[in-house]
Amino acid sequence: MDKVPFAGELDQYISVYRTDYVVNELKERKEVDVLVANARAKMTDTGGSLEEEGKLISVVNRAYIIRRHVTIASEGRKMHLMHNGVKFFIDAVAAIGRTHLKLIVRANE
């Protein structure tokens, strides 16, 4: 069970985005990333690798603990986050107490 972190432990800066679609003048659908929140987070790196069809793929698994955000709590699995220029997809969102959320994310390399 994760504990609520102290304020000093939230030492990483992340940005959470939602993907929306816009239609231009030529009726083409285009993906646009919309910023949902900039947050401070506590990061836990779990790392790992995955073998798929005979080749080894590096999968970065991490967990971020952030202060509670209503939109991220309800629609977090449809979002992604950026940390140090790397895009991570949110796999799960779990509440920690009433004040924090745990985001379990992954990035394929």
C-alpha atoms as a PDB file:
ATOM      1  CA  MET A   1       0.000   0.000   0.000  1.00  0.00           C
ATOM      2  CA  ASP A   2       1.388   3.373  -0.980  1.00  0.00           C
ATOM      3  CA  LYS A   3       1.496   6.163   1.530  1.00  0.00           C
ATOM      4  CA  VAL A   4       0.714   9.809   0.888  1.00  0.00           C
ATOM      5  CA  PRO A   5       4.079  11.461   0.119  1.00  0.00           C
ATOM      6  CA  PHE A   6       5.416  14.519   1.898  1.00  0.00           C
ATOM      7  CA  ALA A   7       5.488  17.745  -0.121  1.00  0.00           C
ATOM      8  CA  GLY A   8       9.287  17.540  -0.493  1.00  0.00           C
ATOM      9  CA  GLU A   9       9.048  14.121  -2.149  1.00  0.00           C
ATOM     10  CA  LEU A  10       7.072  15.539  -5.094  1.00  0.00           C
ATOM     11  CA  ASP A  11      10.270  16.464  -6.943  1.00  0.00           C
ATOM     12  CA  GLN A  12       9.498  15.592 -10.577  1.00  0.00           C
ATOM     13  CA  TYR A  13       7.589  17.864 -12.968  1.00  0.00           C
ATOM     14  CA  ILE A  14       5.174  16.179 -15.382  1.00  0.00           C
ATOM     15  CA  SER A  15       2.571  17.344 -17.896  1.00  0.00           C
ATOM     16  CA  VAL A  16      -0.618  15.365 -18.496  1.00  0.00           C
ATOM     17  CA  TYR A  17      -2.223  15.581 -21.949  1.00  0.00           C
ATOM     18  CA  ARG A  18      -5.471  14.445 -23.545  1.00  0.00           C
ATOM     19  CA  THR A  19      -5.678  13.653 -27.269  1.00  0.00           C
ATOM     20  CA  ASP A  20      -8.445  15.469 -29.118  1.00  0.00           C
ATOM     21  CA  TYR A  21      -9.336  15.453 -32.787  1.00  0.00           C
ATOM     22  CA  VAL A  22      -9.903  18.562 -34.892  1.00  0.00           C
ATOM     23  CA  VAL A  23     -11.236  18.813 -38.431  1.00  0.00           C
ATOM     24  CA  ASN A  24      -9.536  21.275 -40.783  1.00  0.00           C
ATOM     25  CA  GLU A  25     -10.931  23.011 -43.891  1.00  0.00           C
ATOM     26  CA  LEU A  26     -10.307  19.925 -46.043  1.00  0.00           C
ATOM     27  CA  LYS A  27     -12.385  17.760 -43.670  1.00  0.00           C
ATOM     28  CA  GLU A  28      -9.278  15.893 -42.505  1.00  0.00           C
ATOM     29  CA  ARG A  29      -9.151  14.638 -38.933  1.00  0.00           C
ATOM     30  CA  LYS A  30      -5.998  15.550 -37.073  1.00  0.00           C
ATOM     31  CA  GLU A  31      -4.824  14.577 -33.585  1.00  0.00           C
ATOM     32  CA  VAL A  32      -4.037  17.429 -31.200  1.00  0.00           C
ATOM     33  CA  ASP A  33      -2.642  17.101 -27.671  1.00  0.00           C
ATOM     34  CA  VAL A  34      -4.454  19.306 -25.152  1.00  0.00           C
ATOM     35  CA  LEU A  35      -2.756  20.085 -21.841  1.00  0.00           C
ATOM     36  CA  VAL A  36      -4.852  18.921 -18.889  1.00  0.00           C
ATOM     37  CA  ALA A  37      -2.468  19.635 -16.002  1.00  0.00           C
ATOM     38  CA  ASN A  38       1.099  20.412 -15.036  1.00  0.00           C
ATOM     39  CA  ALA A  39       1.890  18.616 -11.807  1.00  0.00           C
ATOM     40  CA  ARG A  40       4.630  17.797  -9.369  1.00  0.00           C
ATOM     41  CA  ALA A  41       5.048  14.069  -8.811  1.00  0.00           C
ATOM     42  CA  LYS A  42       6.928  11.415  -6.913  1.00  0.00           C
ATOM     43  CA  MET A  43       8.366   8.878  -9.363  1.00  0.00           C
ATOM     44  CA  THR A  44       8.989   5.175  -8.776  1.00  0.00           C
ATOM     45  CA  ASP A  45      10.863   3.433 -11.598  1.00  0.00           C
ATOM     46  CA  THR A  46      10.104  -0.279 -11.964  1.00  0.00           C
ATOM     47  CA  GLY A  47      11.749  -0.844 -15.391  1.00  0.00           C
ATOM     48  CA  GLY A  48      11.512  -4.076 -17.293  1.00  0.00           C
ATOM     49  CA  SER A  49      11.656  -5.734 -20.675  1.00  0.00           C
ATOM     50  CA  LEU A  50       9.275  -7.707 -22.841  1.00  0.00           C
ATOM     51  CA  GLU A  51       9.893 -10.338 -25.487  1.00  0.00           C
ATOM     52  CA  GLU A  52       7.556 -10.022 -28.433  1.00  0.00           C
ATOM     53  CA  GLU A  53       7.795 -12.212 -31.541  1.00  0.00           C
ATOM     54  CA  GLY A  54      11.367 -13.231 -30.797  1.00  0.00           C
ATOM     55  CA  LYS A  55      12.801  -9.753 -30.267  1.00  0.00           C
ATOM     56  CA  LEU A  56      13.474  -8.014 -26.993  1.00  0.00           C
ATOM     57  CA  ILE A  57      11.643  -4.733 -26.481  1.00  0.00           C
ATOM     58  CA  SER A  58      12.484  -2.388 -23.647  1.00  0.00           C
ATOM     59  CA  VAL A  59       9.415  -1.375 -21.686  1.00  0.00           C
ATOM     60  CA  VAL A  60       9.766   1.388 -19.131  1.00  0.00           C
ATOM     61  CA  ASN A  61       7.252   0.959 -16.328  1.00  0.00           C
ATOM     62  CA  ARG A  62       6.884   3.739 -13.819  1.00  0.00           C
ATOM     63  CA  ALA A  63       4.496   4.925 -11.161  1.00  0.00           C
ATOM     64  CA  TYR A  64       3.870   8.585 -10.430  1.00  0.00           C
ATOM     65  CA  ILE A  65       2.074   9.901  -7.358  1.00  0.00           C
ATOM     66  CA  ILE A  66       0.447  13.304  -7.862  1.00  0.00           C
ATOM     67  CA  ARG A  67      -2.011  15.508  -6.001  1.00  0.00           C
ATOM     68  CA  ARG A  68      -5.618  14.639  -6.827  1.00  0.00           C
ATOM     69  CA  HIS A  69      -7.017  16.108 -10.047  1.00  0.00           C
ATOM     70  CA  VAL A  70     -10.692  15.451 -10.810  1.00  0.00           C
ATOM     71  CA  THR A  71     -10.289  15.102 -14.594  1.00  0.00           C
ATOM     72  CA  ILE A  72      -7.283  12.783 -14.324  1.00  0.00           C
ATOM     73  CA  ALA A  73      -9.068  10.670 -11.704  1.00  0.00           C
ATOM     74  CA  SER A  74     -12.074  10.102 -13.963  1.00  0.00           C
ATOM     75  CA  GLU A  75     -10.535   9.960 -17.467  1.00  0.00           C
ATOM     76  CA  GLY A  76      -6.884   9.169 -16.773  1.00  0.00           C
ATOM     77  CA  ARG A  77      -6.701   5.992 -18.860  1.00  0.00           C
ATOM     78  CA  LYS A  78      -7.427   8.024 -22.006  1.00  0.00           C
ATOM     79  CA  MET A  79      -4.496  10.364 -21.336  1.00  0.00           C
ATOM     80  CA  HIS A  80      -0.719  10.364 -21.552  1.00  0.00           C
ATOM     81  CA  LEU A  81       2.000  12.245 -19.747  1.00  0.00           C
ATOM     82  CA  MET A  82       5.326  13.795 -20.677  1.00  0.00           C
ATOM     83  CA  HIS A  83       8.331  13.612 -18.375  1.00  0.00           C
ATOM     84  CA  ASN A  84      11.761  14.835 -19.524  1.00  0.00           C
ATOM     85  CA  GLY A  85      10.636  14.718 -23.158  1.00  0.00           C
ATOM     86  CA  VAL A  86       9.462  11.081 -23.022  1.00  0.00           C
ATOM     87  CA  LYS A  87       5.819  10.212 -23.697  1.00  0.00           C
ATOM     88  CA  PHE A  88       4.262   7.723 -21.268  1.00  0.00           C
ATOM     89  CA  PHE A  89       0.826   6.138 -21.676  1.00  0.00           C
ATOM     90  CA  ILE A  90      -1.303   5.855 -18.532  1.00  0.00           C
ATOM     91  CA  ASP A  91      -2.327   2.243 -17.837  1.00  0.00           C
ATOM     92  CA  ALA A  92      -4.079   2.713 -14.502  1.00  0.00           C
ATOM     93  CA  VAL A  93      -5.131   5.400 -12.052  1.00  0.00           C
ATOM     94  CA  ALA A  94      -5.565   4.572  -8.362  1.00  0.00           C
ATOM     95  CA  ALA A  95      -6.577   6.802  -5.479  1.00  0.00           C
ATOM     96  CA  ILE A  96      -4.268   7.085  -2.486  1.00  0.00           C
ATOM     97  CA  GLY A  97      -6.346   8.414   0.338  1.00  0.00           C
ATOM     98  CA  ARG A  98      -8.463  11.435  -0.501  1.00  0.00           C
ATOM     99  CA  THR A  99      -5.693  13.743  -1.653  1.00  0.00           C
ATOM    100  CA  HIS A 100      -3.418  11.873  -4.089  1.00  0.00           C
ATOM    101  CA  LEU A 101      -3.515   9.692  -7.209  1.00  0.00           C
ATOM    102  CA  LYS A 102      -1.117   6.997  -8.368  1.00  0.00           C
ATOM    103  CA  LEU A 103      -0.581   6.870 -12.142  1.00  0.00           C
ATOM    104  CA  ILE A 104       0.895   3.627 -13.471  1.00  0.00           C
ATOM    105  CA  VAL A 105       2.463   4.353 -16.852  1.00  0.00           C
ATOM    106  CA  ARG A 106       4.499   2.653 -19.589  1.00  0.00           C
ATOM    107  CA  ALA A 107       6.685   3.657 -22.508  1.00  0.00           C
ATOM    108  CA  ASN A 108       7.919   1.325 -25.243  1.00  0.00           C
ATOM    109  CA  GLU A 109      11.421   1.865 -26.584  1.00  0.00           C
END
